[in-house]
Protein backbone atom coordinates (compact mmCIF):
# COMPACT_ATOMS: atom_id res chain seq x y z
CA MET A 1 0.18 -13.42 -3.71
CA GLU A 2 -0.13 -14.69 -7.21
CA LYS A 3 -3.01 -17.13 -7.62
CA GLY A 4 -1.97 -20.73 -7.32
CA SER A 5 1.22 -20.18 -5.32
CA GLY A 6 1.69 -21.21 -1.71
CA SER A 7 1.71 -18.35 0.79
CA ASP A 8 -0.08 -15.01 0.72
CA ILE A 9 2.29 -13.29 3.13
CA GLN A 10 4.30 -11.28 0.58
CA VAL A 11 4.32 -10.03 -3.00
CA ARG A 12 7.52 -8.35 -4.17
CA LEU A 13 7.06 -5.42 -6.54
CA ALA A 14 9.84 -6.48 -8.94
CA GLN A 15 8.51 -10.04 -9.22
CA ALA A 16 4.93 -8.85 -9.70
CA ALA A 17 5.97 -6.27 -12.31
CA ALA A 18 7.71 -8.98 -14.34
CA HIS A 19 4.22 -10.37 -15.15
CA LEU A 20 3.03 -7.09 -16.73
CA SER A 21 3.31 -5.87 -20.32
CA ALA A 22 1.79 -3.23 -22.60
CA GLU A 23 -0.81 -5.82 -23.66
CA SER A 24 -1.50 -6.94 -20.06
CA PRO A 25 -0.95 -3.88 -17.85
CA PHE A 26 -2.54 -5.40 -14.72
CA ARG A 27 -2.56 -8.68 -12.87
CA THR A 28 -4.42 -9.90 -9.78
CA PHE A 29 -2.17 -11.13 -6.97
CA PHE A 30 -4.66 -11.63 -4.15
CA GLU A 31 -8.39 -12.20 -4.06
CA GLN A 32 -10.80 -12.97 -1.25
CA GLY A 33 -14.30 -13.14 -2.75
CA GLU A 34 -16.01 -9.75 -2.83
CA GLU A 35 -14.14 -8.60 0.26
CA ILE A 36 -10.86 -7.61 -1.39
CA THR A 37 -8.91 -7.92 -4.63
CA ILE A 38 -5.35 -6.64 -5.03
CA GLU A 39 -3.75 -6.02 -8.40
CA LEU A 40 -0.62 -4.41 -9.73
CA TYR A 41 -1.30 -1.94 -12.56
CA ALA A 42 1.25 -0.36 -14.90
CA PRO A 43 -0.36 1.23 -17.97
CA VAL A 44 1.80 2.05 -20.97
CA GLY A 45 1.13 5.29 -22.85
CA THR A 46 -2.52 5.85 -21.87
CA ASP A 47 -4.68 4.80 -18.93
CA LYS A 48 -7.86 3.43 -20.52
CA GLN A 49 -9.63 2.05 -17.46
CA PRO A 50 -13.37 2.65 -17.07
CA PRO A 51 -15.09 3.37 -13.72
CA HIS A 52 -15.36 0.28 -11.53
CA GLU A 53 -18.20 -1.41 -9.61
CA ARG A 54 -16.30 -1.39 -6.31
CA ASP A 55 -14.55 1.24 -4.20
CA GLU A 56 -10.81 1.26 -4.76
CA LEU A 57 -7.54 2.48 -3.35
CA TYR A 58 -4.36 3.07 -5.32
CA ILE A 59 -1.05 2.86 -3.50
CA ILE A 60 1.60 4.30 -5.81
CA ALA A 61 4.51 1.86 -5.88
CA SER A 62 6.79 3.80 -8.24
CA GLY A 63 6.76 6.80 -10.52
CA HIS A 64 4.84 10.07 -10.52
CA GLY A 65 2.24 11.95 -12.55
CA THR A 66 -1.24 13.42 -12.42
CA PHE A 67 -4.51 11.70 -11.55
CA SER A 68 -8.07 12.83 -12.20
CA ARG A 69 -11.14 11.80 -10.26
CA ASP A 70 -14.34 13.26 -11.66
CA LYS A 71 -13.49 16.98 -11.87
CA GLU A 72 -10.52 16.89 -9.45
CA LEU A 73 -6.90 16.69 -10.57
CA VAL A 74 -3.96 15.91 -8.25
CA THR A 75 -0.28 15.17 -8.65
CA PHE A 76 1.05 11.92 -7.17
CA GLU A 77 4.35 10.21 -6.43
CA ALA A 78 5.57 6.92 -5.00
CA GLY A 79 4.09 6.29 -1.57
CA ASP A 80 0.89 8.26 -2.13
CA LEU A 81 -2.59 6.82 -1.57
CA LEU A 82 -5.50 7.70 -3.88
CA TYR A 83 -9.17 6.85 -3.22
CA VAL A 84 -11.93 6.39 -5.80
CA PRO A 85 -15.56 5.53 -4.94
CA ALA A 86 -17.34 3.02 -7.17
CA TYR A 87 -18.52 4.35 -10.56
CA VAL A 88 -16.66 7.66 -10.31
CA PRO A 89 -14.75 8.40 -13.56
CA HIS A 90 -11.00 8.46 -12.95
CA ARG A 91 -7.75 8.16 -14.85
CA PHE A 92 -4.00 8.50 -14.54
CA GLU A 93 -3.73 11.48 -16.91
CA THR A 94 0.07 11.59 -17.05
CA PHE A 95 2.62 9.21 -15.58
CA SER A 96 6.32 8.49 -15.74
CA GLU A 97 7.69 5.44 -17.56
CA ASP A 98 8.42 3.69 -14.24
CA PHE A 99 4.84 4.16 -12.96
CA LYS A 100 3.30 1.21 -11.13
CA THR A 101 0.48 1.16 -8.61
CA TRP A 102 -1.12 -1.38 -6.34
CA VAL A 103 -4.89 -1.37 -6.79
CA ILE A 104 -7.08 -2.51 -3.91
CA PHE A 105 -10.73 -3.16 -4.72
CA TYR A 106 -12.76 -3.71 -1.58
CA GLY A 107 -16.30 -4.32 -0.46
CA PRO A 108 -19.18 -5.64 -2.52
CA LYS A 109 -20.01 -4.51 -6.03
CA ARG A 110 -22.23 -1.46 -5.85
CA VAL A 111 -25.35 -0.65 -7.83
CA ARG A 112 -24.73 1.98 -10.50
CA PRO A 113 -26.17 5.32 -9.32
CA ALA A 114 -29.10 6.71 -11.32
CA MET A 115 -28.11 9.52 -13.66
């Protein structure tokens, strides 16, 4: 649910997507401390996200494309679930114009592994 609104029972994709733009390709809709954060993400053109401090799940809401995690590359489509451990480089390499994904960050921030 968008911060500041009443209930957290439902977030509709179309309503959430209306808050996104090329300049602001993600928005947080639910947050519970370090336990869980849920965002909607819809990059335009290029996915520029860096690795994150928390484990994350992507639930593809619409669209299709290819996704890389470290040295792995997979294709994805609406309905798929992708998992990325904290600090692992990842990126949506290609994606359709209608691409949108729910992003679920969960658990505490992790310490960056030694290189």
